Amino acid sequence: DYRRIQFTPDLMPSDIIGVNVFQKETSSFVFRKGPIFTQILLAD
């Protein structure tokens, strides 16, 4: 698995690692994985 991240001044840690997203149906937060969850990561 390969992912590429284009690093820019406005990039945030959550854009790499992931973020907790609120699910209205279950009234709970679910972690949505970021592009770091890969095997070969290009940090451009």
PDB file of all heavy atoms in Angstrom:
ATOM      1  N   ASP A   1       0.843  -1.190   0.000  1.00  0.00           N
ATOM      2  CA  ASP A   1       0.000   0.000   0.000  1.00  0.00           C
ATOM      3  C   ASP A   1       0.883   1.246   0.000  1.00  0.00           C
ATOM      4  O   ASP A   1       1.841   1.337   0.761  1.00  0.00           O
ATOM      5  CB  ASP A   1      -0.904  -0.015   1.229  1.00  0.00           C
ATOM      6  CG  ASP A   1      -1.939   1.103   1.200  1.00  0.00           C
ATOM      7  OD1 ASP A   1      -2.348   1.496   0.096  1.00  0.00           O
ATOM      8  OD2 ASP A   1      -2.323   1.584   2.274  1.00  0.00           O
ATOM      9  N   TYR A   2       0.537   2.211  -0.862  1.00  0.00           N
ATOM     10  CA  TYR A   2       1.355   3.423  -1.026  1.00  0.00           C
ATOM     11  C   TYR A   2       0.485   4.657  -0.878  1.00  0.00           C
ATOM     12  O   TYR A   2      -0.625   4.727  -1.419  1.00  0.00           O
ATOM     13  CB  TYR A   2       2.018   3.392  -2.407  1.00  0.00           C
ATOM     14  CG  TYR A   2       2.476   4.748  -2.915  1.00  0.00           C
ATOM     15  CD1 TYR A   2       3.673   5.310  -2.479  1.00  0.00           C
ATOM     16  CD2 TYR A   2       1.711   5.471  -3.847  1.00  0.00           C
ATOM     17  CE1 TYR A   2       4.098   6.544  -2.942  1.00  0.00           C
ATOM     18  CE2 TYR A   2       2.126   6.702  -4.317  1.00  0.00           C
ATOM     19  CZ  TYR A   2       3.315   7.231  -3.865  1.00  0.00           C
ATOM     20  OH  TYR A   2       3.735   8.463  -4.316  1.00  0.00           O
ATOM     21  N   ARG A   3       0.961   5.625  -0.118  1.00  0.00           N
ATOM     22  CA  ARG A   3       0.287   6.916   0.011  1.00  0.00           C
ATOM     23  C   ARG A   3       1.305   8.036  -0.151  1.00  0.00           C
ATOM     24  O   ARG A   3       2.478   7.868   0.194  1.00  0.00           O
ATOM     25  CB  ARG A   3      -0.389   7.055   1.386  1.00  0.00           C
ATOM     26  CG  ARG A   3      -1.426   5.987   1.690  1.00  0.00           C
ATOM     27  CD  ARG A   3      -2.743   6.253   0.992  1.00  0.00           C
ATOM     28  NE  ARG A   3      -3.734   5.249   1.359  1.00  0.00           N
ATOM     29  CZ  ARG A   3      -4.561   5.362   2.394  1.00  0.00           C
ATOM     30  NH1 ARG A   3      -4.493   6.447   3.167  1.00  0.00           N
ATOM     31  NH2 ARG A   3      -5.437   4.429   2.673  1.00  0.00           N
ATOM     32  N   ARG A   4       0.834   9.163  -0.633  1.00  0.00           N
ATOM     33  CA  ARG A   4       1.694  10.339  -0.797  1.00  0.00           C
ATOM     34  C   ARG A   4       1.049  11.518  -0.088  1.00  0.00           C
ATOM     35  O   ARG A   4      -0.147  11.776  -0.250  1.00  0.00           O
ATOM     36  CB  ARG A   4       1.879  10.666  -2.281  1.00  0.00           C
ATOM     37  CG  ARG A   4       2.646  11.960  -2.565  1.00  0.00           C
ATOM     38  CD  ARG A   4       2.737  12.183  -4.079  1.00  0.00           C
ATOM     39  NE  ARG A   4       3.433  13.405  -4.403  1.00  0.00           N
ATOM     40  CZ  ARG A   4       2.851  14.607  -4.520  1.00  0.00           C
ATOM     41  NH1 ARG A   4       1.535  14.720  -4.317  1.00  0.00           N
ATOM     42  NH2 ARG A   4       3.554  15.676  -4.829  1.00  0.00           N
ATOM     43  N   ILE A   5       1.846  12.237   0.715  1.00  0.00           N
ATOM     44  CA  ILE A   5       1.373  13.446   1.388  1.00  0.00           C
ATOM     45  C   ILE A   5       2.196  14.618   0.866  1.00  0.00           C
ATOM     46  O   ILE A   5       3.426  14.608   0.960  1.00  0.00           O
ATOM     47  CB  ILE A   5       1.526  13.357   2.918  1.00  0.00           C
ATOM     48  CG1 ILE A   5       0.812  12.131   3.474  1.00  0.00           C
ATOM     49  CG2 ILE A   5       0.991  14.630   3.573  1.00  0.00           C
ATOM     50  CD1 ILE A   5       1.046  11.916   4.963  1.00  0.00           C
ATOM     51  N   GLN A   6       1.515  15.616   0.320  1.00  0.00           N
ATOM     52  CA  GLN A   6       2.189  16.840  -0.108  1.00  0.00           C
ATOM     53  C   GLN A   6       2.232  17.797   1.081  1.00  0.00           C
ATOM     54  O   GLN A   6       1.205  18.305   1.516  1.00  0.00           O
ATOM     55  CB  GLN A   6       1.453  17.484  -1.288  1.00  0.00           C
ATOM     56  CG  GLN A   6       2.103  18.757  -1.792  1.00  0.00           C
ATOM     57  CD  GLN A   6       3.496  18.508  -2.351  1.00  0.00           C
ATOM     58  OE1 GLN A   6       3.687  17.657  -3.205  1.00  0.00           O
ATOM     59  NE2 GLN A   6       4.475  19.253  -1.857  1.00  0.00           N
ATOM     60  N   PHE A   7       3.404  17.993   1.629  1.00  0.00           N
ATOM     61  CA  PHE A   7       3.529  18.842   2.817  1.00  0.00           C
ATOM     62  C   PHE A   7       3.477  20.318   2.417  1.00  0.00           C
ATOM     63  O   PHE A   7       4.214  20.755   1.533  1.00  0.00           O
ATOM     64  CB  PHE A   7       4.830  18.525   3.554  1.00  0.00           C
ATOM     65  CG  PHE A   7       4.743  17.286   4.396  1.00  0.00           C
ATOM     66  CD1 PHE A   7       4.731  16.034   3.816  1.00  0.00           C
ATOM     67  CD2 PHE A   7       4.647  17.378   5.774  1.00  0.00           C
ATOM     68  CE1 PHE A   7       4.636  14.887   4.592  1.00  0.00           C
ATOM     69  CE2 PHE A   7       4.555  16.236   6.564  1.00  0.00           C
ATOM     70  CZ  PHE A   7       4.547  14.986   5.967  1.00  0.00           C
ATOM     71  N   THR A   8       2.603  21.056   3.084  1.00  0.00           N
ATOM     72  CA  THR A   8       2.412  22.483   2.833  1.00  0.00           C
ATOM     73  C   THR A   8       2.359  23.205   4.180  1.00  0.00           C
ATOM     74  O   THR A   8       2.157  22.574   5.232  1.00  0.00           O
ATOM     75  CB  THR A   8       1.097  22.728   2.069  1.00  0.00           C
ATOM     76  OG1 THR A   8      -0.002  22.160   2.808  1.00  0.00           O
ATOM     77  CG2 THR A   8       1.146  22.102   0.670  1.00  0.00           C
ATOM     78  N   PRO A   9       2.533  24.525   4.187  1.00  0.00           N
ATOM     79  CA  PRO A   9       2.540  25.264   5.465  1.00  0.00           C
ATOM     80  C   PRO A   9       1.258  25.118   6.279  1.00  0.00           C
ATOM     81  O   PRO A   9       1.288  25.234   7.508  1.00  0.00           O
ATOM     82  CB  PRO A   9       2.762  26.714   5.029  1.00  0.00           C
ATOM     83  CG  PRO A   9       3.501  26.609   3.734  1.00  0.00           C
ATOM     84  CD  PRO A   9       2.938  25.390   3.061  1.00  0.00           C
ATOM     85  N   ASP A  10       0.105  24.873   5.615  1.00  0.00           N
ATOM     86  CA  ASP A  10      -1.157  24.789   6.346  1.00  0.00           C
ATOM     87  C   ASP A  10      -1.546  23.358   6.713  1.00  0.00           C
ATOM     88  O   ASP A  10      -2.633  23.121   7.245  1.00  0.00           O
ATOM     89  CB  ASP A  10      -2.284  25.428   5.536  1.00  0.00           C
ATOM     90  CG  ASP A  10      -2.496  24.759   4.182  1.00  0.00           C
ATOM     91  OD1 ASP A  10      -1.623  23.977   3.762  1.00  0.00           O
ATOM     92  OD2 ASP A  10      -3.528  25.035   3.534  1.00  0.00           O
ATOM     93  N   LEU A  11      -0.668  22.395   6.453  1.00  0.00           N
ATOM     94  CA  LEU A  11      -0.966  21.006   6.797  1.00  0.00           C
ATOM     95  C   LEU A  11      -0.961  20.825   8.316  1.00  0.00           C
ATOM     96  O   LEU A  11      -0.079  21.336   9.007  1.00  0.00           O
ATOM     97  CB  LEU A  11       0.075  20.079   6.158  1.00  0.00           C
ATOM     98  CG  LEU A  11      -0.271  18.588   6.109  1.00  0.00           C
ATOM     99  CD1 LEU A  11      -1.348  18.328   5.059  1.00  0.00           C
ATOM    100  CD2 LEU A  11       0.973  17.765   5.786  1.00  0.00           C
ATOM    101  N   MET A  12      -1.952  20.111   8.834  1.00  0.00           N
ATOM    102  CA  MET A  12      -2.085  19.888  10.268  1.00  0.00           C
ATOM    103  C   MET A  12      -1.756  18.433  10.613  1.00  0.00           C
ATOM    104  O   MET A  12      -1.875  17.548   9.764  1.00  0.00           O
ATOM    105  CB  MET A  12      -3.514  20.209  10.719  1.00  0.00           C
ATOM    106  CG  MET A  12      -3.918  21.658  10.486  1.00  0.00           C
ATOM    107  SD  MET A  12      -2.926  22.803  11.483  1.00  0.00           S
ATOM    108  CE  MET A  12      -3.527  22.394  13.118  1.00  0.00           C
ATOM    109  N   PRO A  13      -1.357  18.164  11.872  1.00  0.00           N
ATOM    110  CA  PRO A  13      -1.087  16.772  12.271  1.00  0.00           C
ATOM    111  C   PRO A  13      -2.259  15.832  11.999  1.00  0.00           C
ATOM    112  O   PRO A  13      -2.063  14.672  11.633  1.00  0.00           O
ATOM    113  CB  PRO A  13      -0.807  16.896  13.772  1.00  0.00           C
ATOM    114  CG  PRO A  13      -0.255  18.276  13.933  1.00  0.00           C
ATOM    115  CD  PRO A  13      -1.003  19.117  12.943  1.00  0.00           C
ATOM    116  N   SER A  14      -3.483  16.332  12.186  1.00  0.00           N
ATOM    117  CA  SER A  14      -4.657  15.490  11.949  1.00  0.00           C
ATOM    118  C   SER A  14      -4.797  15.099  10.480  1.00  0.00           C
ATOM    119  O   SER A  14      -5.415  14.087  10.154  1.00  0.00           O
ATOM    120  CB  SER A  14      -5.927  16.209  12.411  1.00  0.00           C
ATOM    121  OG  SER A  14      -6.076  17.451  11.738  1.00  0.00           O
ATOM    122  N   ASP A  15      -4.220  15.915   9.571  1.00  0.00           N
ATOM    123  CA  ASP A  15      -4.252  15.575   8.150  1.00  0.00           C
ATOM    124  C   ASP A  15      -3.367  14.372   7.845  1.00  0.00           C
ATOM    125  O   ASP A  15      -3.504  13.743   6.795  1.00  0.00           O
ATOM    126  CB  ASP A  15      -3.775  16.764   7.305  1.00  0.00           C
ATOM    127  CG  ASP A  15      -4.695  17.969   7.419  1.00  0.00           C
ATOM    128  OD1 ASP A  15      -5.917  17.753   7.529  1.00  0.00           O
ATOM    129  OD2 ASP A  15      -4.196  19.109   7.404  1.00  0.00           O
ATOM    130  N   ILE A  16      -2.461  14.053   8.756  1.00  0.00           N
ATOM    131  CA  ILE A  16      -1.547  12.931   8.578  1.00  0.00           C
ATOM    132  C   ILE A  16      -2.005  11.720   9.380  1.00  0.00           C
ATOM    133  O   ILE A  16      -2.112  10.612   8.857  1.00  0.00           O
ATOM    134  CB  ILE A  16      -0.116  13.328   9.005  1.00  0.00           C
ATOM    135  CG1 ILE A  16       0.403  14.465   8.126  1.00  0.00           C
ATOM    136  CG2 ILE A  16       0.824  12.119   8.945  1.00  0.00           C
ATOM    137  CD1 ILE A  16       1.740  15.020   8.582  1.00  0.00           C
ATOM    138  N   ILE A  17      -2.296  11.956  10.648  1.00  0.00           N
ATOM    139  CA  ILE A  17      -2.633  10.857  11.556  1.00  0.00           C
ATOM    140  C   ILE A  17      -4.085  10.432  11.420  1.00  0.00           C
ATOM    141  O   ILE A  17      -4.407   9.240  11.407  1.00  0.00           O
ATOM    142  CB  ILE A  17      -2.339  11.275  13.011  1.00  0.00           C
ATOM    143  CG1 ILE A  17      -0.834  11.490  13.187  1.00  0.00           C
ATOM    144  CG2 ILE A  17      -2.863  10.233  13.984  1.00  0.00           C
ATOM    145  CD1 ILE A  17      -0.457  12.051  14.544  1.00  0.00           C
ATOM    146  N   GLY A  18      -4.988  11.393  11.324  1.00  0.00           N
ATOM    147  CA  GLY A  18      -6.415  11.106  11.266  1.00  0.00           C
ATOM    148  C   GLY A  18      -7.165  11.969  12.263  1.00  0.00           C
ATOM    149  O   GLY A  18      -6.567  12.767  13.000  1.00  0.00           O
ATOM    150  N   VAL A  19      -8.461  11.803  12.314  1.00  0.00           N
ATOM    151  CA  VAL A  19      -9.276  12.673  13.153  1.00  0.00           C
ATOM    152  C   VAL A  19     -10.505  11.903  13.653  1.00  0.00           C
ATOM    153  O   VAL A  19     -10.990  10.972  12.993  1.00  0.00           O
ATOM    154  CB  VAL A  19      -9.716  13.923  12.352  1.00  0.00           C
ATOM    155  CG1 VAL A  19     -10.623  13.533  11.176  1.00  0.00           C
ATOM    156  CG2 VAL A  19     -10.388  14.949  13.239  1.00  0.00           C
ATOM    157  N   ASN A  20     -10.979  12.266  14.837  1.00  0.00           N
ATOM    158  CA  ASN A  20     -12.211  11.691  15.370  1.00  0.00           C
ATOM    159  C   ASN A  20     -13.415  12.393  14.750  1.00  0.00           C
ATOM    160  O   ASN A  20     -13.507  13.623  14.801  1.00  0.00           O
ATOM    161  CB  ASN A  20     -12.264  11.817  16.895  1.00  0.00           C
ATOM    162  CG  ASN A  20     -11.362  10.829  17.594  1.00  0.00           C
ATOM    163  OD1 ASN A  20     -11.359   9.648  17.253  1.00  0.00           O
ATOM    164  ND2 ASN A  20     -10.589  11.293  18.568  1.00  0.00           N
ATOM    165  N   VAL A  21     -14.299  11.626  14.160  1.00  0.00           N
ATOM    166  CA  VAL A  21     -15.481  12.160  13.496  1.00  0.00           C
ATOM    167  C   VAL A  21     -16.736  11.746  14.280  1.00  0.00           C
ATOM    168  O   VAL A  21     -16.892  10.567  14.628  1.00  0.00           O
ATOM    169  CB  VAL A  21     -15.572  11.657  12.039  1.00  0.00           C
ATOM    170  CG1 VAL A  21     -16.842  12.195  11.370  1.00  0.00           C
ATOM    171  CG2 VAL A  21     -14.337  12.074  11.247  1.00  0.00           C
ATOM    172  N   PHE A  22     -17.596  12.712  14.547  1.00  0.00           N
ATOM    173  CA  PHE A  22     -18.818  12.423  15.306  1.00  0.00           C
ATOM    174  C   PHE A  22     -19.851  11.736  14.404  1.00  0.00           C
ATOM    175  O   PHE A  22     -20.166  12.208  13.312  1.00  0.00           O
ATOM    176  CB  PHE A  22     -19.413  13.706  15.874  1.00  0.00           C
ATOM    177  CG  PHE A  22     -20.636  13.485  16.721  1.00  0.00           C
ATOM    178  CD1 PHE A  22     -20.527  12.945  17.993  1.00  0.00           C
ATOM    179  CD2 PHE A  22     -21.893  13.811  16.240  1.00  0.00           C
ATOM    180  CE1 PHE A  22     -21.645  12.740  18.780  1.00  0.00           C
ATOM    181  CE2 PHE A  22     -23.024  13.605  17.014  1.00  0.00           C
ATOM    182  CZ  PHE A  22     -22.900  13.069  18.299  1.00  0.00           C
ATOM    183  N   GLN A  23     -20.346  10.582  14.880  1.00  0.00           N
ATOM    184  CA  GLN A  23     -21.378   9.840  14.161  1.00  0.00           C
ATOM    185  C   GLN A  23     -22.739  10.127  14.809  1.00  0.00           C
ATOM    186  O   GLN A  23     -22.977   9.770  15.963  1.00  0.00           O
ATOM    187  CB  GLN A  23     -21.083   8.332  14.220  1.00  0.00           C
ATOM    188  CG  GLN A  23     -19.775   7.932  13.578  1.00  0.00           C
ATOM    189  CD  GLN A  23     -19.849   8.000  12.066  1.00  0.00           C
ATOM    190  OE1 GLN A  23     -20.899   7.796  11.456  1.00  0.00           O
ATOM    191  NE2 GLN A  23     -18.714   8.301  11.439  1.00  0.00           N
ATOM    192  N   LYS A  24     -23.593  10.806  14.050  1.00  0.00           N
ATOM    193  CA  LYS A  24     -24.893  11.206  14.585  1.00  0.00           C
ATOM    194  C   LYS A  24     -25.748   9.985  14.938  1.00  0.00           C
ATOM    195  O   LYS A  24     -26.489   9.991  15.929  1.00  0.00           O
ATOM    196  CB  LYS A  24     -25.626  12.078  13.568  1.00  0.00           C
ATOM    197  CG  LYS A  24     -26.917  12.683  14.087  1.00  0.00           C
ATOM    198  CD  LYS A  24     -27.628  13.497  13.007  1.00  0.00           C
ATOM    199  CE  LYS A  24     -26.777  14.684  12.578  1.00  0.00           C
ATOM    200  NZ  LYS A  24     -27.517  15.552  11.606  1.00  0.00           N
ATOM    201  N   GLU A  25     -25.629   8.924  14.138  1.00  0.00           N
ATOM    202  CA  GLU A  25     -26.468   7.742  14.350  1.00  0.00           C
ATOM    203  C   GLU A  25     -26.184   7.074  15.685  1.00  0.00           C
ATOM    204  O   GLU A  25     -27.106   6.598  16.374  1.00  0.00           O
ATOM    205  CB  GLU A  25     -26.253   6.725  13.216  1.00  0.00           C
ATOM    206  CG  GLU A  25     -26.643   7.230  11.828  1.00  0.00           C
ATOM    207  CD  GLU A  25     -25.559   8.097  11.208  1.00  0.00           C
ATOM    208  OE1 GLU A  25     -24.458   8.194  11.807  1.00  0.00           O
ATOM    209  OE2 GLU A  25     -25.818   8.695  10.150  1.00  0.00           O
ATOM    210  N   THR A  26     -24.903   7.029  16.069  1.00  0.00           N
ATOM    211  CA  THR A  26     -24.527   6.345  17.306  1.00  0.00           C
ATOM    212  C   THR A  26     -24.187   7.312  18.442  1.00  0.00           C
ATOM    213  O   THR A  26     -23.900   6.872  19.561  1.00  0.00           O
ATOM    214  CB  THR A  26     -23.317   5.432  17.052  1.00  0.00           C
ATOM    215  OG1 THR A  26     -22.220   6.234  16.584  1.00  0.00           O
ATOM    216  CG2 THR A  26     -23.650   4.371  16.009  1.00  0.00           C
ATOM    217  N   SER A  27     -24.213   8.611  18.134  1.00  0.00           N
ATOM    218  CA  SER A  27     -23.864   9.653  19.112  1.00  0.00           C
ATOM    219  C   SER A  27     -22.496   9.390  19.743  1.00  0.00           C
ATOM    220  O   SER A  27     -22.311   9.516  20.961  1.00  0.00           O
ATOM    221  CB  SER A  27     -24.946   9.747  20.210  1.00  0.00           C
ATOM    222  OG  SER A  27     -26.176  10.138  19.653  1.00  0.00           O
ATOM    223  N   SER A  28     -21.552   8.987  18.891  1.00  0.00           N
ATOM    224  CA  SER A  28     -20.202   8.701  19.374  1.00  0.00           C
ATOM    225  C   SER A  28     -19.197   9.137  18.312  1.00  0.00           C
ATOM    226  O   SER A  28     -19.548   9.396  17.158  1.00  0.00           O
ATOM    227  CB  SER A  28     -20.038   7.211  19.674  1.00  0.00           C
ATOM    228  OG  SER A  28     -20.236   6.442  18.497  1.00  0.00           O
ATOM    229  N   PHE A  29     -17.935   9.211  18.753  1.00  0.00           N
ATOM    230  CA  PHE A  29     -16.875   9.579  17.837  1.00  0.00           C
ATOM    231  C   PHE A  29     -16.200   8.321  17.270  1.00  0.00           C
ATOM    232  O   PHE A  29     -15.971   7.340  17.983  1.00  0.00           O
ATOM    233  CB  PHE A  29     -15.821  10.439  18.544  1.00  0.00           C
ATOM    234  CG  PHE A  29     -16.280  11.851  18.805  1.00  0.00           C
ATOM    235  CD1 PHE A  29     -16.892  12.185  20.005  1.00  0.00           C
ATOM    236  CD2 PHE A  29     -16.090  12.839  17.838  1.00  0.00           C
ATOM    237  CE1 PHE A  29     -17.319  13.488  20.245  1.00  0.00           C
ATOM    238  CE2 PHE A  29     -16.513  14.133  18.068  1.00  0.00           C
ATOM    239  CZ  PHE A  29     -17.133  14.465  19.272  1.00  0.00           C
ATOM    240  N   VAL A  30     -15.904   8.379  15.995  1.00  0.00           N
ATOM    241  CA  VAL A  30     -15.209   7.286  15.309  1.00  0.00           C
ATOM    242  C   VAL A  30     -13.927   7.838  14.705  1.00  0.00           C
ATOM    243  O   VAL A  30     -13.942   8.903  14.078  1.00  0.00           O
ATOM    244  CB  VAL A  30     -16.099   6.658  14.209  1.00  0.00           C
ATOM    245  CG1 VAL A  30     -15.316   5.603  13.432  1.00  0.00           C
ATOM    246  CG2 VAL A  30     -17.347   6.061  14.808  1.00  0.00           C
ATOM    247  N   PHE A  31     -12.829   7.130  14.920  1.00  0.00           N
ATOM    248  CA  PHE A  31     -11.543   7.588  14.406  1.00  0.00           C
ATOM    249  C   PHE A  31     -11.421   7.262  12.917  1.00  0.00           C
ATOM    250  O   PHE A  31     -11.562   6.111  12.509  1.00  0.00           O
ATOM    251  CB  PHE A  31     -10.395   6.936  15.173  1.00  0.00           C
ATOM    252  CG  PHE A  31      -9.037   7.390  14.709  1.00  0.00           C
ATOM    253  CD1 PHE A  31      -8.620   8.694  14.902  1.00  0.00           C
ATOM    254  CD2 PHE A  31      -8.175   6.501  14.083  1.00  0.00           C
ATOM    255  CE1 PHE A  31      -7.365   9.121  14.477  1.00  0.00           C
ATOM    256  CE2 PHE A  31      -6.923   6.908  13.657  1.00  0.00           C
ATOM    257  CZ  PHE A  31      -6.514   8.215  13.852  1.00  0.00           C
ATOM    258  N   ARG A  32     -11.209   8.300  12.136  1.00  0.00           N
ATOM    259  CA  ARG A  32     -11.001   8.132  10.690  1.00  0.00           C
ATOM    260  C   ARG A  32      -9.499   8.225  10.418  1.00  0.00           C
ATOM    261  O   ARG A  32      -8.886   9.262  10.633  1.00  0.00           O
ATOM    262  CB  ARG A  32     -11.757   9.202   9.905  1.00  0.00           C
ATOM    263  CG  ARG A  32     -11.635   9.057   8.390  1.00  0.00           C
ATOM    264  CD  ARG A  32     -12.538  10.040   7.683  1.00  0.00           C
ATOM    265  NE  ARG A  32     -13.945   9.761   7.944  1.00  0.00           N
ATOM    266  CZ  ARG A  32     -14.932  10.573   7.581  1.00  0.00           C
ATOM    267  NH1 ARG A  32     -14.680  11.728   6.994  1.00  0.00           N
ATOM    268  NH2 ARG A  32     -16.182  10.242   7.844  1.00  0.00           N
ATOM    269  N   LYS A  33      -8.918   7.117   9.983  1.00  0.00           N
ATOM    270  CA  LYS A  33      -7.471   7.029   9.805  1.00  0.00           C
ATOM    271  C   LYS A  33      -6.964   7.950   8.698  1.00  0.00           C
ATOM    272  O   LYS A  33      -7.623   8.121   7.664  1.00  0.00           O
ATOM    273  CB  LYS A  33      -7.061   5.588   9.491  1.00  0.00           C
ATOM    274  CG  LYS A  33      -7.301   4.621  10.635  1.00  0.00           C
ATOM    275  CD  LYS A  33      -6.857   3.217  10.262  1.00  0.00           C
ATOM    276  CE  LYS A  33      -7.056   2.250  11.429  1.00  0.00           C
ATOM    277  NZ  LYS A  33      -6.637   0.866  11.086  1.00  0.00           N
ATOM    278  N   GLY A  34      -5.794   8.532   8.935  1.00  0.00           N
ATOM    279  CA  GLY A  34      -5.160   9.386   7.950  1.00  0.00           C
ATOM    280  C   GLY A  34      -4.213   8.607   7.051  1.00  0.00           C
ATOM    281  O   GLY A  34      -4.062   7.386   7.180  1.00  0.00           O
ATOM    282  N   PRO A  35      -3.533   9.290   6.149  1.00  0.00           N
ATOM    283  CA  PRO A  35      -2.678   8.618   5.169  1.00  0.00           C
ATOM    284  C   PRO A  35      -1.440   7.951   5.758  1.00  0.00           C
ATOM    285  O   PRO A  35      -0.779   7.185   5.059  1.00  0.00           O
ATOM    286  CB  PRO A  35      -2.280   9.749   4.210  1.00  0.00           C
ATOM    287  CG  PRO A  35      -2.486  11.012   4.982  1.00  0.00           C
ATOM    288  CD  PRO A  35      -3.625  10.739   5.905  1.00  0.00           C
ATOM    289  N   ILE A  36      -1.137   8.216   7.038  1.00  0.00           N
ATOM    290  CA  ILE A  36       0.023   7.556   7.632  1.00  0.00           C
ATOM    291  C   ILE A  36      -0.218   6.058   7.806  1.00  0.00           C
ATOM    292  O   ILE A  36       0.722   5.267   7.943  1.00  0.00           O
ATOM    293  CB  ILE A  36       0.382   8.195   8.988  1.00  0.00           C
ATOM    294  CG1 ILE A  36       1.836   7.864   9.367  1.00  0.00           C
ATOM    295  CG2 ILE A  36      -0.579   7.752  10.084  1.00  0.00           C
ATOM    296  CD1 ILE A  36       2.351   8.625  10.561  1.00  0.00           C
ATOM    297  N   PHE A  37      -1.481   5.649   7.751  1.00  0.00           N
ATOM    298  CA  PHE A  37      -1.821   4.232   7.870  1.00  0.00           C
ATOM    299  C   PHE A  37      -1.642   3.563   6.513  1.00  0.00           C
ATOM    300  O   PHE A  37      -2.592   3.272   5.794  1.00  0.00           O
ATOM    301  CB  PHE A  37      -3.250   4.055   8.402  1.00  0.00           C
ATOM    302  CG  PHE A  37      -3.390   4.410   9.848  1.00  0.00           C
ATOM    303  CD1 PHE A  37      -3.679   5.717  10.225  1.00  0.00           C
ATOM    304  CD2 PHE A  37      -3.197   3.463  10.832  1.00  0.00           C
ATOM    305  CE1 PHE A  37      -3.792   6.067  11.563  1.00  0.00           C
ATOM    306  CE2 PHE A  37      -3.309   3.808  12.179  1.00  0.00           C
ATOM    307  CZ  PHE A  37      -3.601   5.106  12.539  1.00  0.00           C
ATOM    308  N   THR A  38      -0.406   3.351   6.166  1.00  0.00           N
ATOM    309  CA  THR A  38      -0.032   2.730   4.906  1.00  0.00           C
ATOM    310  C   THR A  38       1.241   1.943   5.155  1.00  0.00           C
ATOM    311  O   THR A  38       1.644   1.734   6.304  1.00  0.00           O
ATOM    312  CB  THR A  38       0.169   3.809   3.815  1.00  0.00           C
ATOM    313  OG1 THR A  38       0.398   3.176   2.561  1.00  0.00           O
ATOM    314  CG2 THR A  38       1.330   4.735   4.147  1.00  0.00           C
ATOM    315  N   GLN A  39       1.899   1.495   4.090  1.00  0.00           N
ATOM    316  CA  GLN A  39       3.154   0.755   4.242  1.00  0.00           C
ATOM    317  C   GLN A  39       4.339   1.522   3.653  1.00  0.00           C
ATOM    318  O   GLN A  39       5.408   1.554   4.243  1.00  0.00           O
ATOM    319  CB  GLN A  39       3.017  -0.625   3.596  1.00  0.00           C
ATOM    320  CG  GLN A  39       2.033  -1.522   4.344  1.00  0.00           C
ATOM    321  CD  GLN A  39       1.755  -2.800   3.610  1.00  0.00           C
ATOM    322  OE1 GLN A  39       1.227  -2.812   2.505  1.00  0.00           O
ATOM    323  NE2 GLN A  39       2.110  -3.928   4.231  1.00  0.00           N
ATOM    324  N   ILE A  40       4.133   2.121   2.508  1.00  0.00           N
ATOM    325  CA  ILE A  40       5.156   2.986   1.898  1.00  0.00           C
ATOM    326  C   ILE A  40       4.570   4.391   1.841  1.00  0.00           C
ATOM    327  O   ILE A  40       3.607   4.647   1.120  1.00  0.00           O
ATOM    328  CB  ILE A  40       5.549   2.519   0.484  1.00  0.00           C
ATOM    329  CG1 ILE A  40       6.078   1.077   0.515  1.00  0.00           C
ATOM    330  CG2 ILE A  40       6.588   3.458  -0.109  1.00  0.00           C
ATOM    331  CD1 ILE A  40       7.375   0.908   1.271  1.00  0.00           C
ATOM    332  N   LEU A  41       5.152   5.300   2.634  1.00  0.00           N
ATOM    333  CA  LEU A  41       4.636   6.667   2.721  1.00  0.00           C
ATOM    334  C   LEU A  41       5.641   7.640   2.121  1.00  0.00           C
ATOM    335  O   LEU A  41       6.790   7.707   2.567  1.00  0.00           O
ATOM    336  CB  LEU A  41       4.369   7.041   4.179  1.00  0.00           C
ATOM    337  CG  LEU A  41       3.903   8.482   4.429  1.00  0.00           C
ATOM    338  CD1 LEU A  41       2.529   8.721   3.798  1.00  0.00           C
ATOM    339  CD2 LEU A  41       3.877   8.801   5.918  1.00  0.00           C
ATOM    340  N   LEU A  42       5.203   8.396   1.125  1.00  0.00           N
ATOM    341  CA  LEU A  42       6.023   9.454   0.545  1.00  0.00           C
ATOM    342  C   LEU A  42       5.638  10.776   1.195  1.00  0.00           C
ATOM    343  O   LEU A  42       4.532  11.275   1.010  1.00  0.00           O
ATOM    344  CB  LEU A  42       5.825   9.522  -0.972  1.00  0.00           C
ATOM    345  CG  LEU A  42       6.498  10.699  -1.684  1.00  0.00           C
ATOM    346  CD1 LEU A  42       8.004  10.702  -1.445  1.00  0.00           C
ATOM    347  CD2 LEU A  42       6.188  10.687  -3.181  1.00  0.00           C
ATOM    348  N   ALA A  43       6.553  11.333   1.981  1.00  0.00           N
ATOM    349  CA  ALA A  43       6.356  12.640   2.605  1.00  0.00           C
ATOM    350  C   ALA A  43       7.043  13.673   1.716  1.00  0.00           C
ATOM    351  O   ALA A  43       8.234  13.948   1.874  1.00  0.00           O
ATOM    352  CB  ALA A  43       6.934  12.649   4.013  1.00  0.00           C
ATOM    353  N   ASP A  44       6.291  14.221   0.769  1.00  0.00           N
ATOM    354  CA  ASP A  44       6.876  15.080  -0.256  1.00  0.00           C
ATOM    355  C   ASP A  44       7.093  16.495   0.270  1.00  0.00           C
ATOM    356  O   ASP A  44       6.172  17.118   0.804  1.00  0.00           O
ATOM    357  CB  ASP A  44       5.948  15.102  -1.482  1.00  0.00           C
ATOM    358  CG  ASP A  44       6.715  15.329  -2.777  1.00  0.00           C
ATOM    359  OD1 ASP A  44       7.956  15.433  -2.722  1.00  0.00           O
ATOM    360  OD2 ASP A  44       6.075  15.400  -3.840  1.00  0.00           O
TER     361      ASP A  44
END
